[in-house]
Amino acid sequence: MSASLTTDWPPAQQPARRPTRRVLPGFKLTLGFTIFYLSIIVLIPLSALVFKTFTLTWEQFVFAVSSPRVMAAYRLTFGASFIAAMANAFFGLLIAWVLVRYSFPGKKIIDALVDLPFALPTAVAGISLTALLASNGWVGSLLEPYGIQLAFNRNGVVIALIFIGLPFVVRTVQPVLEDVEKELEEAATCLGASRWQTFRYVIFPTIAPALLTGFAMAFARAIGEYGSVIFIAGNMPMVSEITPLIIIGKLEQYDYAGATAVAVVLLVISFALLLAINALQAWQRRRSGAQS
C-alpha cells in the first residue's frame, strides 16, 4: 500500500531546476572587471608614482622629503587637516541632527546647501573665502581692528579645509541618524535617563562608526586639497605653505623625482592614518555588538 501511494517522481518526470538568474554576470567576470578598473584608475598611477621615486638614491630621497621647508609643509598640512576634520565631526553631527530630528521652514534649502562644496569648484571656493575673510572683506574688515586675521595665514588654511570637508561628515551621519530607533530613546527616558545619558549610551554608540567614517573622509580630503587653499593661505614658505603646493613647485622646477618622493610620503602617511581609523571603526562595531 505504501508503495502504491508514494509521491516520488520517476527520474524522467522530475521537474527540472531552473538556473538562478543574476542581474549582473558571474563572480569571475565581475571580479575581473573590478580588478581591471581599479588597476587602471588607482593601482597603475600609484605604482608609477612609487617607481619614479625609485630613481632617487636613499640620500637623495631623504633630502627631498626631510628638508626644513618640506617638514614645515607636512606639519601644516596634517595639523590643519586634523583640526578641520575634528571641527567638521562636531558641527557636521550637529547639522545632521537638526536636519533629521526637526522640521522648519527652509529645511530643504539648508539640506541642499550642505552639498554645495561638492559641486562648487575649489578655486571658486578659495576666491570666495578670500574675498570674505581678507582685511578688506565683509568679515575680515570687522575683525581687522581687533588684530584678528583669518586670511593669508594658517587660519585661512583651516577655514578652507573645514569648508570642503563638512559634507562628508553630514552625509555619512545623516542616514544613520534616520535609522536610529526612537523607541530605544523613549525606553531610556522612561527608565529615568537624562538627555545626556540617552545620547551617550543609546544614540552615540550607534552613530559612532559613521561619525568616524565621516571624520576619516574629511581628513583624507583635506590632506590633498589644493585649489581652495592656495588663494587664502598666503603660501609663505615655512609659515602657510601646504604640501601639495610643495609638490607643484617641484614639478614646475622639473624635479619630478623629488615631487613624487614627497607625494609618496604623503600617500603612506594618509594610508596609515586611514587604516588606523578603519581599525578603530571595526573595534567600535565589535564593542557595540558585544554590548547589545
Protein backbone atom coordinates (compact mmCIF):
# COMPACT_ATOMS: atom_id res chain seq x y z
CA MET A 1 0.00 0.00 0.00
CA SER A 2 2.75 2.45 0.91
CA ALA A 3 4.50 1.62 -2.34
CA SER A 4 1.37 2.48 -4.33
CA LEU A 5 0.88 5.85 -2.54
CA THR A 6 4.42 7.10 -2.96
CA THR A 7 4.76 10.55 -4.44
CA ASP A 8 8.29 10.13 -5.75
CA TRP A 9 8.67 11.29 -9.29
CA PRO A 10 10.25 8.89 -11.76
CA PRO A 11 13.67 10.03 -12.91
CA ALA A 12 12.33 11.04 -16.30
CA GLN A 13 9.42 13.05 -14.79
CA GLN A 14 11.30 15.05 -12.11
CA PRO A 15 10.84 18.81 -12.64
CA ALA A 16 13.97 20.45 -13.95
CA ARG A 17 15.59 23.01 -11.64
CA ARG A 18 15.63 26.46 -13.17
CA PRO A 19 19.07 28.05 -13.14
CA THR A 20 19.50 31.05 -10.89
CA ARG A 21 19.45 34.19 -12.97
CA ARG A 22 21.69 37.04 -11.89
CA VAL A 23 21.22 40.63 -12.91
CA LEU A 24 24.98 41.06 -13.33
CA PRO A 25 27.42 38.50 -14.77
CA GLY A 26 29.00 35.86 -12.58
CA PHE A 27 31.60 36.38 -9.88
CA LYS A 28 34.66 35.67 -12.03
CA LEU A 29 33.68 38.11 -14.75
CA THR A 30 32.66 40.91 -12.38
CA LEU A 31 35.80 40.37 -10.30
CA GLY A 32 37.90 40.63 -13.44
CA PHE A 33 36.23 43.90 -14.40
CA THR A 34 36.70 45.19 -10.84
CA ILE A 35 40.42 44.43 -10.75
CA PHE A 36 40.91 45.82 -14.25
CA TYR A 37 39.09 49.06 -13.43
CA LEU A 38 40.89 49.54 -10.10
CA SER A 39 44.21 48.86 -11.81
CA ILE A 40 43.59 51.49 -14.48
CA ILE A 41 42.25 54.13 -12.09
CA VAL A 42 44.21 53.51 -8.86
CA LEU A 43 46.94 50.86 -8.88
CA ILE A 44 48.83 51.76 -12.05
CA PRO A 45 49.05 55.53 -11.31
CA LEU A 46 50.19 54.83 -7.73
CA SER A 47 52.70 52.27 -8.99
CA ALA A 48 54.12 54.81 -11.44
CA LEU A 49 54.44 57.23 -8.53
CA VAL A 50 56.44 54.73 -6.50
CA PHE A 51 58.61 53.58 -9.42
CA LYS A 52 59.52 57.17 -10.27
CA THR A 53 60.67 57.65 -6.68
CA PHE A 54 62.97 54.62 -7.01
CA THR A 55 65.11 56.62 -9.44
CA LEU A 56 66.45 58.51 -6.41
CA THR A 57 69.16 57.19 -4.15
CA TRP A 58 68.39 56.84 -0.45
CA GLU A 59 70.32 60.00 0.38
CA GLN A 60 68.50 61.94 -2.32
CA PHE A 61 65.15 60.63 -1.12
CA VAL A 62 65.83 61.61 2.50
CA PHE A 63 66.98 65.07 1.44
CA ALA A 64 63.89 65.56 -0.76
CA VAL A 65 61.37 64.59 1.90
CA SER A 66 63.01 65.96 5.05
CA SER A 67 64.20 69.45 4.20
CA PRO A 68 63.02 72.13 6.67
CA ARG A 69 60.60 73.64 4.15
CA VAL A 70 59.01 70.28 3.39
CA MET A 71 58.76 69.35 7.09
CA ALA A 72 57.01 72.66 7.81
CA ALA A 73 54.56 71.89 5.00
CA TYR A 74 53.90 68.43 6.49
CA ARG A 75 53.12 69.91 9.89
CA LEU A 76 50.77 72.48 8.44
CA THR A 77 49.00 70.04 6.12
CA PHE A 78 48.35 67.29 8.63
CA GLY A 79 47.78 69.63 11.56
CA ALA A 80 45.28 71.82 9.72
CA SER A 81 43.58 68.75 8.22
CA PHE A 82 43.17 67.18 11.67
CA ILE A 83 41.78 70.37 13.20
CA ALA A 84 39.38 70.83 10.27
CA ALA A 85 38.23 67.20 10.46
CA MET A 86 37.61 67.50 14.21
CA ALA A 87 35.59 70.69 13.70
CA ASN A 88 33.60 69.01 10.93
CA ALA A 89 32.94 65.98 13.12
CA PHE A 90 31.35 68.20 15.77
CA PHE A 91 29.46 70.64 13.59
CA GLY A 92 28.63 68.01 10.99
CA LEU A 93 26.96 65.88 13.66
CA LEU A 94 25.05 68.93 14.87
CA ILE A 95 23.85 69.80 11.37
CA ALA A 96 22.87 66.21 10.61
CA TRP A 97 20.94 66.07 13.90
CA VAL A 98 18.99 69.24 13.07
CA LEU A 99 18.18 68.05 9.54
CA VAL A 100 16.95 64.66 10.77
CA ARG A 101 15.15 65.48 14.02
CA TYR A 102 13.49 68.84 13.29
CA SER A 103 11.14 70.31 10.70
CA PHE A 104 11.37 74.02 9.96
CA PRO A 105 10.88 76.42 7.04
CA GLY A 106 13.75 76.29 4.57
CA LYS A 107 14.92 72.84 5.66
CA LYS A 108 15.25 71.59 2.08
CA ILE A 109 17.30 74.65 1.15
CA ILE A 110 19.72 74.09 4.02
CA ASP A 111 19.90 70.40 3.15
CA ALA A 112 20.84 71.31 -0.41
CA LEU A 113 23.43 73.86 0.73
CA VAL A 114 25.31 71.10 2.55
CA ASP A 115 26.25 69.62 -0.83
CA LEU A 116 27.44 72.95 -2.22
CA PRO A 117 31.17 72.26 -1.53
CA PHE A 118 30.80 69.09 -3.62
CA ALA A 119 29.56 70.97 -6.67
CA LEU A 120 31.48 74.23 -6.26
CA PRO A 121 34.92 74.33 -7.93
CA THR A 122 37.60 74.52 -5.29
CA ALA A 123 39.18 77.58 -6.90
CA VAL A 124 35.85 79.42 -6.70
CA ALA A 125 35.56 78.43 -3.04
CA GLY A 126 39.05 79.76 -2.35
CA ILE A 127 38.37 83.07 -4.07
CA SER A 128 35.05 83.45 -2.25
CA LEU A 129 36.59 82.76 1.16
CA THR A 130 39.45 85.16 0.44
CA ALA A 131 37.09 87.95 -0.61
CA LEU A 132 35.08 87.37 2.56
CA LEU A 133 37.88 86.99 5.12
CA ALA A 134 40.58 89.31 3.78
CA SER A 135 41.26 92.56 5.58
CA ASN A 136 39.07 94.43 3.09
CA GLY A 137 36.34 91.76 3.03
CA TRP A 138 32.98 91.77 4.76
CA VAL A 139 34.10 89.71 7.73
CA GLY A 140 37.81 90.50 7.68
CA SER A 141 37.22 94.25 7.83
CA LEU A 142 35.23 93.81 11.04
CA LEU A 143 37.94 91.71 12.69
CA GLU A 144 40.93 93.70 11.48
CA PRO A 145 40.65 96.43 14.18
CA TYR A 146 40.92 93.71 16.85
CA GLY A 147 44.08 92.25 15.35
CA ILE A 148 42.32 89.08 14.13
CA GLN A 149 43.42 87.90 10.69
CA LEU A 150 41.70 84.92 9.09
CA ALA A 151 43.20 85.13 5.62
CA PHE A 152 46.74 84.69 4.27
CA ASN A 153 47.90 82.64 7.26
CA ARG A 154 47.31 79.25 8.86
CA ASN A 155 43.83 80.25 10.00
CA GLY A 156 42.80 80.59 6.37
CA VAL A 157 44.07 77.08 5.64
CA VAL A 158 41.94 75.59 8.42
CA ILE A 159 38.84 77.53 7.35
CA ALA A 160 39.19 76.40 3.73
CA LEU A 161 39.61 72.76 4.81
CA ILE A 162 36.55 72.98 7.06
CA PHE A 163 34.54 74.30 4.12
CA ILE A 164 35.42 71.48 1.74
CA GLY A 165 35.16 68.67 4.34
CA LEU A 166 31.83 69.40 6.02
CA PRO A 167 29.58 67.48 3.55
CA PHE A 168 31.49 64.23 4.15
CA VAL A 169 30.50 64.13 7.81
CA VAL A 170 26.91 65.30 7.34
CA ARG A 171 26.10 62.88 4.52
CA THR A 172 27.71 59.97 6.37
CA VAL A 173 25.97 60.53 9.71
CA GLN A 174 22.58 61.66 8.39
CA PRO A 175 21.26 58.29 7.11
CA VAL A 176 22.41 56.53 10.27
CA LEU A 177 20.56 59.02 12.44
CA GLU A 178 17.44 58.45 10.36
CA ASP A 179 17.62 54.71 11.09
CA VAL A 180 18.09 55.07 14.85
CA GLU A 181 15.11 53.53 16.62
CA LYS A 182 13.34 56.22 18.61
CA GLU A 183 11.75 53.52 20.78
CA LEU A 184 15.14 52.98 22.41
CA GLU A 185 15.34 56.66 23.30
CA GLU A 186 11.81 56.59 24.70
CA ALA A 187 12.66 53.50 26.75
CA ALA A 188 15.76 55.19 28.14
CA THR A 189 13.70 58.25 29.07
CA CYS A 190 11.10 56.09 30.79
CA LEU A 191 13.86 54.44 32.81
CA GLY A 192 14.94 57.84 34.11
CA ALA A 193 17.90 58.59 31.84
CA SER A 194 18.75 62.22 31.24
CA ARG A 195 19.18 63.67 27.76
CA TRP A 196 22.96 63.41 28.01
CA GLN A 197 22.78 59.79 29.22
CA THR A 198 20.40 58.90 26.40
CA PHE A 199 22.72 60.42 23.84
CA ARG A 200 25.87 58.90 25.35
CA TYR A 201 24.66 55.36 25.94
CA VAL A 202 21.93 54.90 23.30
CA ILE A 203 22.50 57.19 20.32
CA PHE A 204 26.25 57.79 20.20
CA PRO A 205 27.29 54.08 20.10
CA THR A 206 25.05 53.66 17.06
CA ILE A 207 26.35 56.63 15.11
CA ALA A 208 29.99 56.41 16.24
CA PRO A 209 31.18 54.22 13.30
CA ALA A 210 29.51 56.56 10.80
CA LEU A 211 30.98 59.58 12.56
CA LEU A 212 34.45 58.07 12.39
CA THR A 213 33.93 57.31 8.71
CA GLY A 214 32.94 60.91 8.04
CA PHE A 215 35.93 62.12 10.04
CA ALA A 216 38.28 59.89 8.03
CA MET A 217 36.81 61.03 4.70
CA ALA A 218 37.01 64.71 5.67
CA PHE A 219 40.58 64.24 6.91
CA ALA A 220 41.70 62.45 3.75
CA ARG A 221 40.01 65.05 1.56
CA ALA A 222 41.69 67.88 3.43
CA ILE A 223 45.18 66.38 3.09
CA GLY A 224 45.03 66.51 -0.71
CA GLU A 225 43.18 69.81 -1.05
CA TYR A 226 44.89 72.42 -3.21
CA GLY A 227 42.58 74.72 -5.14
CA SER A 228 40.68 76.35 -2.27
CA VAL A 229 43.74 76.67 -0.02
CA ILE A 230 46.26 78.43 -2.24
CA PHE A 231 44.10 81.56 -2.55
CA ILE A 232 43.54 82.07 1.17
CA ALA A 233 46.73 80.63 2.67
CA GLY A 234 49.21 83.26 1.54
CA ASN A 235 51.64 80.46 0.57
CA MET A 236 54.51 81.79 2.64
CA PRO A 237 57.34 79.23 2.95
CA MET A 238 57.74 77.79 6.45
CA VAL A 239 54.51 79.52 7.52
CA SER A 240 51.45 78.85 5.36
CA GLU A 241 52.71 76.59 2.57
CA ILE A 242 50.89 73.27 2.22
CA THR A 243 52.43 70.04 0.97
CA PRO A 244 50.52 69.90 -2.37
CA LEU A 245 51.98 73.32 -3.16
CA ILE A 246 55.46 71.93 -2.47
CA ILE A 247 54.76 69.16 -4.98
CA ILE A 248 53.51 71.66 -7.59
CA GLY A 249 56.62 73.77 -7.05
CA LYS A 250 58.93 70.81 -7.63
CA LEU A 251 57.04 69.89 -10.79
CA GLU A 252 57.41 73.43 -12.11
CA GLN A 253 61.16 73.11 -11.50
CA TYR A 254 61.16 69.79 -13.43
CA ASP A 255 62.15 67.95 -10.27
CA TYR A 256 59.79 65.08 -10.98
CA ALA A 257 61.55 62.57 -8.75
CA GLY A 258 61.55 64.99 -5.82
CA ALA A 259 57.86 65.70 -6.35
CA THR A 260 56.99 62.01 -6.40
CA ALA A 261 59.11 61.43 -3.28
CA VAL A 262 57.10 63.99 -1.31
CA ALA A 263 53.90 62.57 -2.77
CA VAL A 264 54.84 59.05 -1.68
CA VAL A 265 55.41 60.22 1.89
CA LEU A 266 52.04 61.94 1.82
CA LEU A 267 50.45 58.78 0.42
CA VAL A 268 52.00 56.47 3.01
CA ILE A 269 51.03 58.67 5.97
CA SER A 270 47.49 59.12 4.66
CA PHE A 271 47.08 55.39 4.08
CA ALA A 272 48.40 54.58 7.56
CA LEU A 273 46.01 57.04 9.19
CA LEU A 274 43.03 55.74 7.23
CA LEU A 275 43.99 52.17 8.13
CA ALA A 276 44.15 53.10 11.80
CA ILE A 277 40.76 54.82 11.64
CA ASN A 278 39.21 51.80 9.88
CA ALA A 279 40.62 49.52 12.57
CA LEU A 280 39.11 51.81 15.20
CA GLN A 281 35.76 51.61 13.43
CA ALA A 282 35.88 47.81 13.39
CA TRP A 283 36.70 47.78 17.10
CA GLN A 284 33.82 50.16 17.80
CA ARG A 285 31.37 47.95 15.88
CA ARG A 286 32.53 44.84 17.74
CA ARG A 287 32.20 46.65 21.04
CA SER A 288 28.70 47.88 20.18
CA GLY A 289 27.69 44.37 19.13
CA ALA A 290 29.02 42.87 22.36
CA GLN A 291 27.17 45.44 24.47
CA SER A 292 23.91 44.82 22.62
